Amino acid sequence: MLRKDVIAHFGSATEVVKKLTNLSHGAISQWGEVIPMGRAYEIQTITNGKLKVDLRLYSRKQPKSAA
């Protein structure tokens, strides 16, 4: 889930802080482009699926085998 989509959905970072548990403006400012997966699932729940977790954003590239 992208930070810009979350803020756009709620209207502002202040509104995001109001909706999520134990979150500060400082935490939002530390989010990268892709928000933490746990928060993404929380947002998916509180938006009743209007914003959805995209697992492709969280997949890690596997290193090539040295063999």
PDB file of N, CA and C in Angstrom:
ATOM      1  N   MET A   1       0.858  -1.170   0.000  1.00  0.00           N
ATOM      2  CA  MET A   1       0.000   0.000   0.000  1.00  0.00           C
ATOM      3  C   MET A   1       0.902   1.230   0.000  1.00  0.00           C
ATOM      4  N   LEU A   2       0.554   2.170  -0.809  1.00  0.00           N
ATOM      5  CA  LEU A   2       1.384   3.356  -0.952  1.00  0.00           C
ATOM      6  C   LEU A   2       0.948   4.474  -0.011  1.00  0.00           C
ATOM      7  N   ARG A   3       1.935   5.148   0.542  1.00  0.00           N
ATOM      8  CA  ARG A   3       1.684   6.244   1.481  1.00  0.00           C
ATOM      9  C   ARG A   3       0.780   7.307   0.870  1.00  0.00           C
ATOM     10  N   LYS A   4       1.054   7.664  -0.379  1.00  0.00           N
ATOM     11  CA  LYS A   4       0.279   8.733  -1.018  1.00  0.00           C
ATOM     12  C   LYS A   4      -1.192   8.338  -1.152  1.00  0.00           C
ATOM     13  N   ASP A   5      -1.470   7.066  -1.388  1.00  0.00           N
ATOM     14  CA  ASP A   5      -2.856   6.606  -1.517  1.00  0.00           C
ATOM     15  C   ASP A   5      -3.586   6.659  -0.178  1.00  0.00           C
ATOM     16  N   VAL A   6      -2.875   6.317   0.890  1.00  0.00           N
ATOM     17  CA  VAL A   6      -3.475   6.357   2.230  1.00  0.00           C
ATOM     18  C   VAL A   6      -3.822   7.794   2.606  1.00  0.00           C
ATOM     19  N   ILE A   7      -2.893   8.694   2.414  1.00  0.00           N
ATOM     20  CA  ILE A   7      -3.137  10.099   2.763  1.00  0.00           C
ATOM     21  C   ILE A   7      -4.247  10.672   1.886  1.00  0.00           C
ATOM     22  N   ALA A   8      -4.260  10.346   0.609  1.00  0.00           N
ATOM     23  CA  ALA A   8      -5.322  10.830  -0.282  1.00  0.00           C
ATOM     24  C   ALA A   8      -6.680  10.307   0.160  1.00  0.00           C
ATOM     25  N   HIS A   9      -6.736   9.043   0.565  1.00  0.00           N
ATOM     26  CA  HIS A   9      -8.011   8.455   0.991  1.00  0.00           C
ATOM     27  C   HIS A   9      -8.569   9.173   2.219  1.00  0.00           C
ATOM     28  N   PHE A  10      -7.708   9.428   3.194  1.00  0.00           N
ATOM     29  CA  PHE A  10      -8.166  10.047   4.442  1.00  0.00           C
ATOM     30  C   PHE A  10      -8.195  11.570   4.375  1.00  0.00           C
ATOM     31  N   GLY A  11      -7.515  12.153   3.396  1.00  0.00           N
ATOM     32  CA  GLY A  11      -7.550  13.599   3.220  1.00  0.00           C
ATOM     33  C   GLY A  11      -6.333  14.331   3.740  1.00  0.00           C
ATOM     34  N   SER A  12      -5.668  13.761   4.729  1.00  0.00           N
ATOM     35  CA  SER A  12      -4.463  14.394   5.277  1.00  0.00           C
ATOM     36  C   SER A  12      -3.769  13.410   6.215  1.00  0.00           C
ATOM     37  N   ALA A  13      -2.508  13.713   6.506  1.00  0.00           N
ATOM     38  CA  ALA A  13      -1.773  12.883   7.461  1.00  0.00           C
ATOM     39  C   ALA A  13      -2.402  12.980   8.844  1.00  0.00           C
ATOM     40  N   THR A  14      -2.961  14.130   9.182  1.00  0.00           N
ATOM     41  CA  THR A  14      -3.625  14.309  10.474  1.00  0.00           C
ATOM     42  C   THR A  14      -4.791  13.344  10.613  1.00  0.00           C
ATOM     43  N   GLU A  15      -5.558  13.167   9.573  1.00  0.00           N
ATOM     44  CA  GLU A  15      -6.689  12.239   9.611  1.00  0.00           C
ATOM     45  C   GLU A  15      -6.222  10.789   9.707  1.00  0.00           C
ATOM     46  N   VAL A  16      -5.100  10.468   9.076  1.00  0.00           N
ATOM     47  CA  VAL A  16      -4.537   9.117   9.185  1.00  0.00           C
ATOM     48  C   VAL A  16      -4.186   8.843  10.642  1.00  0.00           C
ATOM     49  N   VAL A  17      -3.545   9.800  11.293  1.00  0.00           N
ATOM     50  CA  VAL A  17      -3.172   9.662  12.707  1.00  0.00           C
ATOM     51  C   VAL A  17      -4.409   9.428  13.569  1.00  0.00           C
ATOM     52  N   LYS A  18      -5.489  10.117  13.284  1.00  0.00           N
ATOM     53  CA  LYS A  18      -6.720   9.960  14.060  1.00  0.00           C
ATOM     54  C   LYS A  18      -7.329   8.572  13.904  1.00  0.00           C
ATOM     55  N   LYS A  19      -7.177   7.972  12.727  1.00  0.00           N
ATOM     56  CA  LYS A  19      -7.829   6.692  12.430  1.00  0.00           C
ATOM     57  C   LYS A  19      -7.045   5.476  12.907  1.00  0.00           C
ATOM     58  N   LEU A  20      -5.719   5.570  12.934  1.00  0.00           N
ATOM     59  CA  LEU A  20      -4.902   4.412  13.273  1.00  0.00           C
ATOM     60  C   LEU A  20      -4.505   4.432  14.745  1.00  0.00           C
ATOM     61  N   THR A  21      -4.323   3.245  15.309  1.00  0.00           N
ATOM     62  CA  THR A  21      -3.964   3.147  16.717  1.00  0.00           C
ATOM     63  C   THR A  21      -2.479   3.382  16.922  1.00  0.00           C
ATOM     64  N   ASN A  22      -2.158   4.103  17.989  1.00  0.00           N
ATOM     65  CA  ASN A  22      -0.766   4.328  18.399  1.00  0.00           C
ATOM     66  C   ASN A  22       0.123   4.809  17.251  1.00  0.00           C
ATOM     67  N   LEU A  23      -0.310   5.848  16.596  1.00  0.00           N
ATOM     68  CA  LEU A  23       0.449   6.387  15.471  1.00  0.00           C
ATOM     69  C   LEU A  23       0.640   7.886  15.665  1.00  0.00           C
ATOM     70  N   SER A  24       1.829   8.359  15.337  1.00  0.00           N
ATOM     71  CA  SER A  24       2.116   9.791  15.448  1.00  0.00           C
ATOM     72  C   SER A  24       2.455  10.350  14.070  1.00  0.00           C
ATOM     73  N   HIS A  25       2.445  11.667  13.981  1.00  0.00           N
ATOM     74  CA  HIS A  25       2.857  12.312  12.731  1.00  0.00           C
ATOM     75  C   HIS A  25       4.292  11.932  12.397  1.00  0.00           C
ATOM     76  N   GLY A  26       5.111  11.802  13.417  1.00  0.00           N
ATOM     77  CA  GLY A  26       6.496  11.424  13.196  1.00  0.00           C
ATOM     78  C   GLY A  26       6.626  10.059  12.544  1.00  0.00           C
ATOM     79  N   ALA A  27       5.769   9.140  12.944  1.00  0.00           N
ATOM     80  CA  ALA A  27       5.799   7.799  12.354  1.00  0.00           C
ATOM     81  C   ALA A  27       5.428   7.849  10.878  1.00  0.00           C
ATOM     82  N   ILE A  28       4.422   8.627  10.545  1.00  0.00           N
ATOM     83  CA  ILE A  28       4.017   8.749   9.146  1.00  0.00           C
ATOM     84  C   ILE A  28       5.141   9.357   8.318  1.00  0.00           C
ATOM     85  N   SER A  29       5.823  10.324   8.881  1.00  0.00           N
ATOM     86  CA  SER A  29       6.913  10.956   8.129  1.00  0.00           C
ATOM     87  C   SER A  29       8.072   9.987   7.903  1.00  0.00           C
ATOM     88  N   GLN A  30       8.174   8.952   8.706  1.00  0.00           N
ATOM     89  CA  GLN A  30       9.231   7.962   8.533  1.00  0.00           C
ATOM     90  C   GLN A  30       8.840   6.853   7.564  1.00  0.00           C
ATOM     91  N   TRP A  31       7.550   6.750   7.235  1.00  0.00           N
ATOM     92  CA  TRP A  31       7.145   5.758   6.247  1.00  0.00           C
ATOM     93  C   TRP A  31       7.831   6.085   4.923  1.00  0.00           C
ATOM     94  N   GLY A  32       8.228   5.068   4.218  1.00  0.00           N
ATOM     95  CA  GLY A  32       8.726   5.275   2.873  1.00  0.00           C
ATOM     96  C   GLY A  32       7.547   5.381   1.920  1.00  0.00           C
ATOM     97  N   GLU A  33       7.802   5.181   0.669  1.00  0.00           N
ATOM     98  CA  GLU A  33       6.734   5.204  -0.337  1.00  0.00           C
ATOM     99  C   GLU A  33       5.718   4.096  -0.054  1.00  0.00           C
ATOM    100  N   VAL A  34       6.218   2.931   0.362  1.00  0.00           N
ATOM    101  CA  VAL A  34       5.358   1.803   0.712  1.00  0.00           C
ATOM    102  C   VAL A  34       5.257   1.766   2.231  1.00  0.00           C
ATOM    103  N   ILE A  35       4.036   1.775   2.749  1.00  0.00           N
ATOM    104  CA  ILE A  35       3.862   1.806   4.200  1.00  0.00           C
ATOM    105  C   ILE A  35       4.114   0.422   4.791  1.00  0.00           C
ATOM    106  N   PRO A  36       4.407   0.346   6.083  1.00  0.00           N
ATOM    107  CA  PRO A  36       4.644  -0.945   6.714  1.00  0.00           C
ATOM    108  C   PRO A  36       3.455  -1.898   6.531  1.00  0.00           C
ATOM    109  N   MET A  37       3.760  -3.172   6.335  1.00  0.00           N
ATOM    110  CA  MET A  37       2.733  -4.159   6.031  1.00  0.00           C
ATOM    111  C   MET A  37       1.664  -4.247   7.121  1.00  0.00           C
ATOM    112  N   GLY A  38       2.063  -4.197   8.372  1.00  0.00           N
ATOM    113  CA  GLY A  38       1.087  -4.268   9.459  1.00  0.00           C
ATOM    114  C   GLY A  38       0.092  -3.123   9.400  1.00  0.00           C
ATOM    115  N   ARG A  39       0.586  -1.933   9.113  1.00  0.00           N
ATOM    116  CA  ARG A  39      -0.305  -0.773   8.982  1.00  0.00           C
ATOM    117  C   ARG A  39      -1.192  -0.917   7.752  1.00  0.00           C
ATOM    118  N   ALA A  40      -0.643  -1.497   6.698  1.00  0.00           N
ATOM    119  CA  ALA A  40      -1.446  -1.691   5.491  1.00  0.00           C
ATOM    120  C   ALA A  40      -2.646  -2.597   5.786  1.00  0.00           C
ATOM    121  N   TYR A  41      -2.424  -3.660   6.537  1.00  0.00           N
ATOM    122  CA  TYR A  41      -3.540  -4.547   6.895  1.00  0.00           C
ATOM    123  C   TYR A  41      -4.541  -3.836   7.804  1.00  0.00           C
ATOM    124  N   GLU A  42      -4.049  -3.019   8.712  1.00  0.00           N
ATOM    125  CA  GLU A  42      -4.940  -2.248   9.586  1.00  0.00           C
ATOM    126  C   GLU A  42      -5.798  -1.293   8.749  1.00  0.00           C
ATOM    127  N   ILE A  43      -5.183  -0.631   7.783  1.00  0.00           N
ATOM    128  CA  ILE A  43      -5.908   0.303   6.923  1.00  0.00           C
ATOM    129  C   ILE A  43      -6.908  -0.432   6.038  1.00  0.00           C
ATOM    130  N   GLN A  44      -6.526  -1.583   5.531  1.00  0.00           N
ATOM    131  CA  GLN A  44      -7.457  -2.382   4.726  1.00  0.00           C
ATOM    132  C   GLN A  44      -8.704  -2.712   5.546  1.00  0.00           C
ATOM    133  N   THR A  45      -8.512  -3.040   6.818  1.00  0.00           N
ATOM    134  CA  THR A  45      -9.633  -3.378   7.693  1.00  0.00           C
ATOM    135  C   THR A  45     -10.512  -2.167   7.981  1.00  0.00           C
ATOM    136  N   ILE A  46      -9.893  -1.052   8.356  1.00  0.00           N
ATOM    137  CA  ILE A  46     -10.720   0.100   8.747  1.00  0.00           C
ATOM    138  C   ILE A  46     -11.381   0.789   7.552  1.00  0.00           C
ATOM    139  N   THR A  47     -10.868   0.547   6.348  1.00  0.00           N
ATOM    140  CA  THR A  47     -11.509   1.115   5.156  1.00  0.00           C
ATOM    141  C   THR A  47     -12.464   0.109   4.500  1.00  0.00           C
ATOM    142  N   ASN A  48     -12.685  -1.009   5.176  1.00  0.00           N
ATOM    143  CA  ASN A  48     -13.560  -2.058   4.634  1.00  0.00           C
ATOM    144  C   ASN A  48     -13.147  -2.462   3.222  1.00  0.00           C
ATOM    145  N   GLY A  49     -11.834  -2.532   3.009  1.00  0.00           N
ATOM    146  CA  GLY A  49     -11.306  -2.997   1.739  1.00  0.00           C
ATOM    147  C   GLY A  49     -11.224  -1.961   0.636  1.00  0.00           C
ATOM    148  N   LYS A  50     -11.562  -0.710   0.926  1.00  0.00           N
ATOM    149  CA  LYS A  50     -11.421   0.325  -0.114  1.00  0.00           C
ATOM    150  C   LYS A  50      -9.958   0.511  -0.481  1.00  0.00           C
ATOM    151  N   LEU A  51      -9.087   0.400   0.501  1.00  0.00           N
ATOM    152  CA  LEU A  51      -7.645   0.342   0.254  1.00  0.00           C
ATOM    153  C   LEU A  51      -7.228  -1.084   0.565  1.00  0.00           C
ATOM    154  N   LYS A  52      -6.491  -1.701  -0.347  1.00  0.00           N
ATOM    155  CA  LYS A  52      -6.127  -3.105  -0.197  1.00  0.00           C
ATOM    156  C   LYS A  52      -4.611  -3.284  -0.145  1.00  0.00           C
ATOM    157  N   VAL A  53      -4.208  -4.292   0.621  1.00  0.00           N
ATOM    158  CA  VAL A  53      -2.802  -4.665   0.682  1.00  0.00           C
ATOM    159  C   VAL A  53      -2.415  -5.292  -0.655  1.00  0.00           C
ATOM    160  N   ASP A  54      -1.326  -4.837  -1.221  1.00  0.00           N
ATOM    161  CA  ASP A  54      -0.791  -5.409  -2.451  1.00  0.00           C
ATOM    162  C   ASP A  54       0.507  -6.111  -2.073  1.00  0.00           C
ATOM    163  N   LEU A  55       0.430  -7.427  -1.940  1.00  0.00           N
ATOM    164  CA  LEU A  55       1.591  -8.186  -1.476  1.00  0.00           C
ATOM    165  C   LEU A  55       2.794  -8.063  -2.400  1.00  0.00           C
ATOM    166  N   ARG A  56       2.583  -7.708  -3.650  1.00  0.00           N
ATOM    167  CA  ARG A  56       3.711  -7.526  -4.568  1.00  0.00           C
ATOM    168  C   ARG A  56       4.640  -6.410  -4.096  1.00  0.00           C
ATOM    169  N   LEU A  57       4.080  -5.428  -3.379  1.00  0.00           N
ATOM    170  CA  LEU A  57       4.897  -4.324  -2.873  1.00  0.00           C
ATOM    171  C   LEU A  57       5.819  -4.770  -1.738  1.00  0.00           C
ATOM    172  N   TYR A  58       5.494  -5.901  -1.110  1.00  0.00           N
ATOM    173  CA  TYR A  58       6.233  -6.348   0.052  1.00  0.00           C
ATOM    174  C   TYR A  58       7.125  -7.560  -0.227  1.00  0.00           C
ATOM    175  N   SER A  59       7.100  -8.060  -1.453  1.00  0.00           N
ATOM    176  CA  SER A  59       7.932  -9.223  -1.754  1.00  0.00           C
ATOM    177  C   SER A  59       9.390  -8.806  -1.821  1.00  0.00           C
ATOM    178  N   ARG A  60      10.213  -9.652  -1.321  1.00  0.00           N
ATOM    179  CA  ARG A  60      11.649  -9.375  -1.351  1.00  0.00           C
ATOM    180  C   ARG A  60      12.274 -10.200  -2.444  1.00  0.00           C
ATOM    181  N   LYS A  61      13.154  -9.574  -3.177  1.00  0.00           N
ATOM    182  CA  LYS A  61      13.863 -10.299  -4.232  1.00  0.00           C
ATOM    183  C   LYS A  61      14.795 -11.310  -3.589  1.00  0.00           C
ATOM    184  N   GLN A  62      14.733 -12.515  -4.057  1.00  0.00           N
ATOM    185  CA  GLN A  62      15.604 -13.565  -3.556  1.00  0.00           C
ATOM    186  C   GLN A  62      16.963 -13.454  -4.236  1.00  0.00           C
ATOM    187  N   PRO A  63      18.028 -13.516  -3.446  1.00  0.00           N
ATOM    188  CA  PRO A  63      19.363 -13.450  -4.070  1.00  0.00           C
ATOM    189  C   PRO A  63      19.615 -14.680  -4.928  1.00  0.00           C
ATOM    190  N   LYS A  64      20.374 -14.481  -5.998  1.00  0.00           N
ATOM    191  CA  LYS A  64      20.716 -15.605  -6.860  1.00  0.00           C
ATOM    192  C   LYS A  64      21.673 -16.526  -6.123  1.00  0.00           C
ATOM    193  N   SER A  65      21.498 -17.797  -6.343  1.00  0.00           N
ATOM    194  CA  SER A  65      22.350 -18.795  -5.706  1.00  0.00           C
ATOM    195  C   SER A  65      23.780 -18.659  -6.208  1.00  0.00           C
ATOM    196  N   ALA A  66      24.717 -18.857  -5.317  1.00  0.00           N
ATOM    197  CA  ALA A  66      26.136 -18.777  -5.681  1.00  0.00           C
ATOM    198  C   ALA A  66      26.606 -20.090  -6.307  1.00  0.00           C
ATOM    199  N   ALA A  67      25.758 -21.100  -6.303  1.00  0.00           N
ATOM    200  CA  ALA A  67      26.166 -22.417  -6.794  1.00  0.00           C
ATOM    201  C   ALA A  67      26.325 -22.479  -8.279  1.00  0.00           C
TER     202      ALA A  67
END
